[in-house]
Amino acid sequence: MKVPVQQTTLREIDIEIVKEAYKAYERKYGSSQSFEQIINRSGFCWAEITYHLYEQIQYLEKAIREIEQERAKK
Protein backbone atom coordinates (compact mmCIF):
# COMPACT_ATOMS: atom_id res chain seq x y z
CA MET A 1 0.00 0.00 0.00
CA LYS A 2 1.27 3.44 -0.84
CA VAL A 3 0.18 6.75 0.63
CA PRO A 4 0.63 10.28 -0.70
CA VAL A 5 3.39 12.56 0.51
CA GLN A 6 3.30 16.31 0.50
CA GLN A 7 5.53 18.28 -1.82
CA THR A 8 7.48 21.15 -0.37
CA THR A 9 8.56 24.43 -1.80
CA LEU A 10 11.50 24.48 0.59
CA ARG A 11 14.58 24.28 -1.63
CA GLU A 12 17.33 24.86 0.96
CA ILE A 13 18.25 23.44 4.34
CA ASP A 14 20.79 24.38 6.99
CA ILE A 15 24.22 22.97 6.18
CA GLU A 16 24.69 21.54 9.68
CA ILE A 17 21.69 19.25 9.20
CA VAL A 18 23.03 17.97 5.90
CA LYS A 19 26.48 17.41 7.40
CA GLU A 20 24.89 15.11 9.98
CA ALA A 21 23.07 13.21 7.23
CA TYR A 22 26.33 12.92 5.30
CA LYS A 23 28.03 11.22 8.27
CA ALA A 24 25.58 8.34 8.01
CA TYR A 25 25.81 8.35 4.19
CA GLU A 26 29.60 8.10 4.37
CA ARG A 27 29.50 5.24 6.91
CA LYS A 28 27.19 3.28 4.63
CA TYR A 29 28.52 4.11 1.16
CA GLY A 30 32.06 5.35 1.76
CA SER A 31 33.56 8.63 0.66
CA SER A 32 33.69 8.16 -3.10
CA GLN A 33 31.38 11.19 -3.24
CA SER A 34 32.58 13.91 -0.91
CA PHE A 35 30.20 16.18 0.91
CA GLU A 36 31.10 18.95 -1.54
CA GLN A 37 30.38 16.72 -4.55
CA ILE A 38 26.95 15.86 -3.22
CA ILE A 39 26.18 19.52 -2.62
CA ASN A 40 27.38 20.40 -6.13
CA ARG A 41 25.11 17.77 -7.70
CA SER A 42 22.11 19.51 -6.06
CA GLY A 43 22.35 17.80 -2.67
CA PHE A 44 20.28 15.09 -1.05
CA CYS A 45 16.57 14.86 -1.69
CA TRP A 46 14.27 15.11 1.34
CA ALA A 47 13.85 11.34 1.51
CA GLU A 48 17.63 10.85 1.59
CA ILE A 49 18.04 13.46 4.32
CA THR A 50 15.33 11.81 6.41
CA TYR A 51 16.77 8.34 5.89
CA HIS A 52 20.35 9.32 6.68
CA LEU A 53 19.38 11.44 9.71
CA TYR A 54 17.43 8.47 11.08
CA GLU A 55 20.53 6.29 10.61
CA GLN A 56 22.67 8.93 12.33
CA ILE A 57 20.29 9.03 15.30
CA GLN A 58 20.44 5.23 15.59
CA TYR A 59 24.24 5.33 15.43
CA LEU A 60 24.46 7.96 18.16
CA GLU A 61 21.93 6.17 20.38
CA LYS A 62 23.96 2.95 20.08
CA ALA A 63 27.16 4.81 20.97
CA ILE A 64 25.48 6.33 24.03
CA ARG A 65 24.23 2.90 25.17
CA GLU A 66 27.74 1.45 24.80
CA ILE A 67 29.26 4.30 26.83
CA GLU A 68 26.63 3.85 29.54
CA GLN A 69 27.30 0.10 29.67
CA GLU A 70 31.04 0.70 30.03
CA ARG A 71 30.44 3.20 32.83
CA ALA A 72 28.15 0.75 34.60
CA LYS A 73 30.93 -1.87 34.64
CA LYS A 74 33.24 0.46 36.60
PDB file of N, CA and C in Angstrom:
ATOM      1  N   MET A   1       0.840  -1.174   0.000  1.00  0.00           N
ATOM      2  CA  MET A   1       0.000   0.000   0.000  1.00  0.00           C
ATOM      3  C   MET A   1       0.885   1.238   0.000  1.00  0.00           C
ATOM      4  N   LYS A   2       0.543   2.180  -0.792  1.00  0.00           N
ATOM      5  CA  LYS A   2       1.269   3.439  -0.838  1.00  0.00           C
ATOM      6  C   LYS A   2       0.346   4.565  -0.418  1.00  0.00           C
ATOM      7  N   VAL A   3       0.943   5.590   0.197  1.00  0.00           N
ATOM      8  CA  VAL A   3       0.182   6.752   0.634  1.00  0.00           C
ATOM      9  C   VAL A   3       0.819   8.002   0.046  1.00  0.00           C
ATOM     10  N   PRO A   4       0.060   9.059  -0.110  1.00  0.00           N
ATOM     11  CA  PRO A   4       0.629  10.278  -0.695  1.00  0.00           C
ATOM     12  C   PRO A   4       1.580  10.982   0.271  1.00  0.00           C
ATOM     13  N   VAL A   5       2.514  11.711  -0.284  1.00  0.00           N
ATOM     14  CA  VAL A   5       3.389  12.562   0.506  1.00  0.00           C
ATOM     15  C   VAL A   5       3.256  13.987  -0.004  1.00  0.00           C
ATOM     16  N   GLN A   6       3.436  14.915   0.885  1.00  0.00           N
ATOM     17  CA  GLN A   6       3.303  16.312   0.495  1.00  0.00           C
ATOM     18  C   GLN A   6       4.567  16.803  -0.196  1.00  0.00           C
ATOM     19  N   GLN A   7       4.408  17.627  -1.169  1.00  0.00           N
ATOM     20  CA  GLN A   7       5.533  18.285  -1.822  1.00  0.00           C
ATOM     21  C   GLN A   7       5.860  19.534  -1.023  1.00  0.00           C
ATOM     22  N   THR A   8       7.082  19.948  -1.089  1.00  0.00           N
ATOM     23  CA  THR A   8       7.482  21.145  -0.367  1.00  0.00           C
ATOM     24  C   THR A   8       8.096  22.147  -1.328  1.00  0.00           C
ATOM     25  N   THR A   9       7.923  23.393  -1.007  1.00  0.00           N
ATOM     26  CA  THR A   9       8.561  24.435  -1.805  1.00  0.00           C
ATOM     27  C   THR A   9       9.915  24.801  -1.213  1.00  0.00           C
ATOM     28  N   LEU A  10      10.224  24.223  -0.065  1.00  0.00           N
ATOM     29  CA  LEU A  10      11.498  24.480   0.590  1.00  0.00           C
ATOM     30  C   LEU A  10      12.623  23.886  -0.245  1.00  0.00           C
ATOM     31  N   ARG A  11      13.520  24.719  -0.725  1.00  0.00           N
ATOM     32  CA  ARG A  11      14.579  24.281  -1.628  1.00  0.00           C
ATOM     33  C   ARG A  11      15.959  24.300  -0.975  1.00  0.00           C
ATOM     34  N   GLU A  12      16.053  24.789   0.260  1.00  0.00           N
ATOM     35  CA  GLU A  12      17.333  24.857   0.957  1.00  0.00           C
ATOM     36  C   GLU A  12      17.161  24.394   2.398  1.00  0.00           C
ATOM     37  N   ILE A  13      18.257  23.912   2.960  1.00  0.00           N
ATOM     38  CA  ILE A  13      18.249  23.437   4.336  1.00  0.00           C
ATOM     39  C   ILE A  13      19.574  23.844   4.972  1.00  0.00           C
ATOM     40  N   ASP A  14      19.580  23.991   6.277  1.00  0.00           N
ATOM     41  CA  ASP A  14      20.785  24.379   6.994  1.00  0.00           C
ATOM     42  C   ASP A  14      21.898  23.361   6.768  1.00  0.00           C
ATOM     43  N   ILE A  15      23.094  23.840   6.506  1.00  0.00           N
ATOM     44  CA  ILE A  15      24.223  22.969   6.177  1.00  0.00           C
ATOM     45  C   ILE A  15      24.564  22.002   7.308  1.00  0.00           C
ATOM     46  N   GLU A  16      24.360  22.407   8.554  1.00  0.00           N
ATOM     47  CA  GLU A  16      24.694  21.538   9.681  1.00  0.00           C
ATOM     48  C   GLU A  16      23.818  20.283   9.688  1.00  0.00           C
ATOM     49  N   ILE A  17      22.583  20.404   9.277  1.00  0.00           N
ATOM     50  CA  ILE A  17      21.692  19.248   9.199  1.00  0.00           C
ATOM     51  C   ILE A  17      22.185  18.284   8.130  1.00  0.00           C
ATOM     52  N   VAL A  18      22.563  18.819   6.994  1.00  0.00           N
ATOM     53  CA  VAL A  18      23.026  17.974   5.897  1.00  0.00           C
ATOM     54  C   VAL A  18      24.369  17.327   6.243  1.00  0.00           C
ATOM     55  N   LYS A  19      25.210  18.014   6.982  1.00  0.00           N
ATOM     56  CA  LYS A  19      26.481  17.411   7.404  1.00  0.00           C
ATOM     57  C   LYS A  19      26.239  16.189   8.285  1.00  0.00           C
ATOM     58  N   GLU A  20      25.229  16.266   9.144  1.00  0.00           N
ATOM     59  CA  GLU A  20      24.891  15.109   9.977  1.00  0.00           C
ATOM     60  C   GLU A  20      24.377  13.955   9.122  1.00  0.00           C
ATOM     61  N   ALA A  21      23.559  14.255   8.143  1.00  0.00           N
ATOM     62  CA  ALA A  21      23.067  13.214   7.234  1.00  0.00           C
ATOM     63  C   ALA A  21      24.228  12.597   6.464  1.00  0.00           C
ATOM     64  N   TYR A  22      25.184  13.428   6.063  1.00  0.00           N
ATOM     65  CA  TYR A  22      26.327  12.922   5.305  1.00  0.00           C
ATOM     66  C   TYR A  22      27.174  11.951   6.127  1.00  0.00           C
ATOM     67  N   LYS A  23      27.266  12.145   7.424  1.00  0.00           N
ATOM     68  CA  LYS A  23      28.033  11.221   8.269  1.00  0.00           C
ATOM     69  C   LYS A  23      27.497   9.798   8.137  1.00  0.00           C
ATOM     70  N   ALA A  24      26.181   9.657   8.157  1.00  0.00           N
ATOM     71  CA  ALA A  24      25.576   8.337   8.006  1.00  0.00           C
ATOM     72  C   ALA A  24      25.759   7.830   6.578  1.00  0.00           C
ATOM     73  N   TYR A  25      25.606   8.710   5.600  1.00  0.00           N
ATOM     74  CA  TYR A  25      25.814   8.346   4.191  1.00  0.00           C
ATOM     75  C   TYR A  25      27.228   7.802   3.998  1.00  0.00           C
ATOM     76  N   GLU A  26      28.202   8.492   4.547  1.00  0.00           N
ATOM     77  CA  GLU A  26      29.602   8.099   4.371  1.00  0.00           C
ATOM     78  C   GLU A  26      29.896   6.767   5.059  1.00  0.00           C
ATOM     79  N   ARG A  27      29.316   6.525   6.235  1.00  0.00           N
ATOM     80  CA  ARG A  27      29.504   5.238   6.913  1.00  0.00           C
ATOM     81  C   ARG A  27      28.962   4.101   6.056  1.00  0.00           C
ATOM     82  N   LYS A  28      27.836   4.339   5.402  1.00  0.00           N
ATOM     83  CA  LYS A  28      27.187   3.278   4.634  1.00  0.00           C
ATOM     84  C   LYS A  28      27.796   3.091   3.244  1.00  0.00           C
ATOM     85  N   TYR A  29      28.099   4.192   2.560  1.00  0.00           N
ATOM     86  CA  TYR A  29      28.517   4.108   1.161  1.00  0.00           C
ATOM     87  C   TYR A  29      29.973   4.482   0.917  1.00  0.00           C
ATOM     88  N   GLY A  30      30.677   4.937   1.942  1.00  0.00           N
ATOM     89  CA  GLY A  30      32.060   5.354   1.762  1.00  0.00           C
ATOM     90  C   GLY A  30      32.135   6.807   1.320  1.00  0.00           C
ATOM     91  N   SER A  31      33.342   7.220   0.984  1.00  0.00           N
ATOM     92  CA  SER A  31      33.558   8.632   0.663  1.00  0.00           C
ATOM     93  C   SER A  31      33.890   8.851  -0.802  1.00  0.00           C
ATOM     94  N   SER A  32      33.421   7.963  -1.669  1.00  0.00           N
ATOM     95  CA  SER A  32      33.692   8.162  -3.102  1.00  0.00           C
ATOM     96  C   SER A  32      33.058   9.454  -3.610  1.00  0.00           C
ATOM     97  N   GLN A  33      31.962   9.864  -2.977  1.00  0.00           N
ATOM     98  CA  GLN A  33      31.385  11.189  -3.239  1.00  0.00           C
ATOM     99  C   GLN A  33      31.563  12.014  -1.977  1.00  0.00           C
ATOM    100  N   SER A  34      32.359  13.050  -2.078  1.00  0.00           N
ATOM    101  CA  SER A  34      32.578  13.909  -0.915  1.00  0.00           C
ATOM    102  C   SER A  34      31.311  14.718  -0.627  1.00  0.00           C
ATOM    103  N   PHE A  35      31.305  15.313   0.545  1.00  0.00           N
ATOM    104  CA  PHE A  35      30.198  16.181   0.914  1.00  0.00           C
ATOM    105  C   PHE A  35      30.028  17.284  -0.128  1.00  0.00           C
ATOM    106  N   GLU A  36      31.137  17.867  -0.554  1.00  0.00           N
ATOM    107  CA  GLU A  36      31.098  18.948  -1.539  1.00  0.00           C
ATOM    108  C   GLU A  36      30.542  18.472  -2.876  1.00  0.00           C
ATOM    109  N   GLN A  37      30.906  17.256  -3.285  1.00  0.00           N
ATOM    110  CA  GLN A  37      30.382  16.719  -4.549  1.00  0.00           C
ATOM    111  C   GLN A  37      28.872  16.529  -4.483  1.00  0.00           C
ATOM    112  N   ILE A  38      28.397  16.049  -3.366  1.00  0.00           N
ATOM    113  CA  ILE A  38      26.950  15.858  -3.216  1.00  0.00           C
ATOM    114  C   ILE A  38      26.234  17.201  -3.275  1.00  0.00           C
ATOM    115  N   ILE A  39      26.790  18.194  -2.592  1.00  0.00           N
ATOM    116  CA  ILE A  39      26.182  19.523  -2.620  1.00  0.00           C
ATOM    117  C   ILE A  39      26.185  20.077  -4.042  1.00  0.00           C
ATOM    118  N   ASN A  40      27.276  19.884  -4.754  1.00  0.00           N
ATOM    119  CA  ASN A  40      27.377  20.401  -6.127  1.00  0.00           C
ATOM    120  C   ASN A  40      26.443  19.699  -7.107  1.00  0.00           C
ATOM    121  N   ARG A  41      26.041  18.472  -6.815  1.00  0.00           N
ATOM    122  CA  ARG A  41      25.107  17.766  -7.699  1.00  0.00           C
ATOM    123  C   ARG A  41      23.648  18.013  -7.293  1.00  0.00           C
ATOM    124  N   SER A  42      23.421  19.031  -6.528  1.00  0.00           N
ATOM    125  CA  SER A  42      22.113  19.507  -6.060  1.00  0.00           C
ATOM    126  C   SER A  42      21.710  18.917  -4.720  1.00  0.00           C
ATOM    127  N   GLY A  43      22.610  18.244  -4.038  1.00  0.00           N
ATOM    128  CA  GLY A  43      22.353  17.801  -2.668  1.00  0.00           C
ATOM    129  C   GLY A  43      21.501  16.552  -2.563  1.00  0.00           C
ATOM    130  N   PHE A  44      21.170  16.206  -1.337  1.00  0.00           N
ATOM    131  CA  PHE A  44      20.283  15.087  -1.053  1.00  0.00           C
ATOM    132  C   PHE A  44      18.839  15.515  -1.293  1.00  0.00           C
ATOM    133  N   CYS A  45      18.001  14.564  -1.668  1.00  0.00           N
ATOM    134  CA  CYS A  45      16.566  14.855  -1.692  1.00  0.00           C
ATOM    135  C   CYS A  45      16.052  14.714  -0.256  1.00  0.00           C
ATOM    136  N   TRP A  46      14.825  15.152  -0.021  1.00  0.00           N
ATOM    137  CA  TRP A  46      14.266  15.112   1.337  1.00  0.00           C
ATOM    138  C   TRP A  46      14.214  13.699   1.889  1.00  0.00           C
ATOM    139  N   ALA A  47      13.902  12.731   1.040  1.00  0.00           N
ATOM    140  CA  ALA A  47      13.847  11.342   1.508  1.00  0.00           C
ATOM    141  C   ALA A  47      15.226  10.868   1.958  1.00  0.00           C
ATOM    142  N   GLU A  48      16.270  11.227   1.211  1.00  0.00           N
ATOM    143  CA  GLU A  48      17.628  10.849   1.591  1.00  0.00           C
ATOM    144  C   GLU A  48      18.027  11.501   2.913  1.00  0.00           C
ATOM    145  N   ILE A  49      17.707  12.767   3.076  1.00  0.00           N
ATOM    146  CA  ILE A  49      18.038  13.460   4.322  1.00  0.00           C
ATOM    147  C   ILE A  49      17.355  12.766   5.496  1.00  0.00           C
ATOM    148  N   THR A  50      16.085  12.476   5.346  1.00  0.00           N
ATOM    149  CA  THR A  50      15.330  11.815   6.409  1.00  0.00           C
ATOM    150  C   THR A  50      15.930  10.457   6.743  1.00  0.00           C
ATOM    151  N   TYR A  51      16.206   9.678   5.712  1.00  0.00           N
ATOM    152  CA  TYR A  51      16.766   8.341   5.890  1.00  0.00           C
ATOM    153  C   TYR A  51      18.118   8.397   6.593  1.00  0.00           C
ATOM    154  N   HIS A  52      19.004   9.255   6.117  1.00  0.00           N
ATOM    155  CA  HIS A  52      20.346   9.319   6.684  1.00  0.00           C
ATOM    156  C   HIS A  52      20.349   9.938   8.082  1.00  0.00           C
ATOM    157  N   LEU A  53      19.471  10.891   8.350  1.00  0.00           N
ATOM    158  CA  LEU A  53      19.384  11.436   9.706  1.00  0.00           C
ATOM    159  C   LEU A  53      18.873  10.374  10.678  1.00  0.00           C
ATOM    160  N   TYR A  54      17.928   9.560  10.237  1.00  0.00           N
ATOM    161  CA  TYR A  54      17.434   8.468  11.079  1.00  0.00           C
ATOM    162  C   TYR A  54      18.572   7.496  11.389  1.00  0.00           C
ATOM    163  N   GLU A  55      19.378   7.155  10.384  1.00  0.00           N
ATOM    164  CA  GLU A  55      20.534   6.286  10.607  1.00  0.00           C
ATOM    165  C   GLU A  55      21.525   6.927  11.581  1.00  0.00           C
ATOM    166  N   GLN A  56      21.738   8.226  11.446  1.00  0.00           N
ATOM    167  CA  GLN A  56      22.666   8.932  12.330  1.00  0.00           C
ATOM    168  C   GLN A  56      22.158   8.908  13.765  1.00  0.00           C
ATOM    169  N   ILE A  57      20.868   9.090  13.952  1.00  0.00           N
ATOM    170  CA  ILE A  57      20.285   9.029  15.300  1.00  0.00           C
ATOM    171  C   ILE A  57      20.489   7.643  15.891  1.00  0.00           C
ATOM    172  N   GLN A  58      20.238   6.599  15.109  1.00  0.00           N
ATOM    173  CA  GLN A  58      20.436   5.230  15.592  1.00  0.00           C
ATOM    174  C   GLN A  58      21.892   4.990  15.980  1.00  0.00           C
ATOM    175  N   TYR A  59      22.804   5.477  15.161  1.00  0.00           N
ATOM    176  CA  TYR A  59      24.235   5.328  15.426  1.00  0.00           C
ATOM    177  C   TYR A  59      24.615   6.001  16.741  1.00  0.00           C
ATOM    178  N   LEU A  60      24.139   7.220  16.939  1.00  0.00           N
ATOM    179  CA  LEU A  60      24.457   7.956  18.161  1.00  0.00           C
ATOM    180  C   LEU A  60      23.821   7.316  19.396  1.00  0.00           C
ATOM    181  N   GLU A  61      22.592   6.836  19.251  1.00  0.00           N
ATOM    182  CA  GLU A  61      21.935   6.166  20.380  1.00  0.00           C
ATOM    183  C   GLU A  61      22.695   4.912  20.782  1.00  0.00           C
ATOM    184  N   LYS A  62      23.174   4.158  19.798  1.00  0.00           N
ATOM    185  CA  LYS A  62      23.961   2.951  20.077  1.00  0.00           C
ATOM    186  C   LYS A  62      25.254   3.328  20.797  1.00  0.00           C
ATOM    187  N   ALA A  63      25.923   4.365  20.335  1.00  0.00           N
ATOM    188  CA  ALA A  63      27.158   4.809  20.971  1.00  0.00           C
ATOM    189  C   ALA A  63      26.912   5.221  22.419  1.00  0.00           C
ATOM    190  N   ILE A  64      25.824   5.914  22.667  1.00  0.00           N
ATOM    191  CA  ILE A  64      25.484   6.327  24.034  1.00  0.00           C
ATOM    192  C   ILE A  64      25.238   5.110  24.913  1.00  0.00           C
ATOM    193  N   ARG A  65      24.489   4.122  24.396  1.00  0.00           N
ATOM    194  CA  ARG A  65      24.227   2.899  25.169  1.00  0.00           C
ATOM    195  C   ARG A  65      25.532   2.190  25.520  1.00  0.00           C
ATOM    196  N   GLU A  66      26.448   2.117  24.556  1.00  0.00           N
ATOM    197  CA  GLU A  66      27.735   1.452  24.802  1.00  0.00           C
ATOM    198  C   GLU A  66      28.546   2.190  25.861  1.00  0.00           C
ATOM    199  N   ILE A  67      28.547   3.505  25.820  1.00  0.00           N
ATOM    200  CA  ILE A  67      29.257   4.298  26.828  1.00  0.00           C
ATOM    201  C   ILE A  67      28.639   4.068  28.198  1.00  0.00           C
ATOM    202  N   GLU A  68      27.311   4.069  28.260  1.00  0.00           N
ATOM    203  CA  GLU A  68      26.631   3.849  29.538  1.00  0.00           C
ATOM    204  C   GLU A  68      26.925   2.463  30.093  1.00  0.00           C
ATOM    205  N   GLN A  69      26.985   1.463  29.230  1.00  0.00           N
ATOM    206  CA  GLN A  69      27.305   0.095  29.673  1.00  0.00           C
ATOM    207  C   GLN A  69      28.726   0.017  30.224  1.00  0.00           C
ATOM    208  N   GLU A  70      29.656   0.682  29.566  1.00  0.00           N
ATOM    209  CA  GLU A  70      31.039   0.704  30.030  1.00  0.00           C
ATOM    210  C   GLU A  70      31.143   1.402  31.381  1.00  0.00           C
ATOM    211  N   ARG A  71      30.426   2.482  31.544  1.00  0.00           N
ATOM    212  CA  ARG A  71      30.441   3.204  32.829  1.00  0.00           C
ATOM    213  C   ARG A  71      29.833   2.360  33.948  1.00  0.00           C
ATOM    214  N   ALA A  72      28.808   1.586  33.605  1.00  0.00           N
ATOM    215  CA  ALA A  72      28.150   0.751  34.605  1.00  0.00           C
ATOM    216  C   ALA A  72      29.057  -0.380  35.094  1.00  0.00           C
ATOM    217  N   LYS A  73      29.993  -0.800  34.262  1.00  0.00           N
ATOM    218  CA  LYS A  73      30.931  -1.868  34.638  1.00  0.00           C
ATOM    219  C   LYS A  73      31.962  -1.385  35.658  1.00  0.00           C
ATOM    220  N   LYS A  74      32.201  -0.092  35.703  1.00  0.00           N
ATOM    221  CA  LYS A  74      33.244   0.459  36.600  1.00  0.00           C
ATOM    222  C   LYS A  74      32.751   0.667  38.000  1.00  0.00           C
TER     223      LYS A  74
END
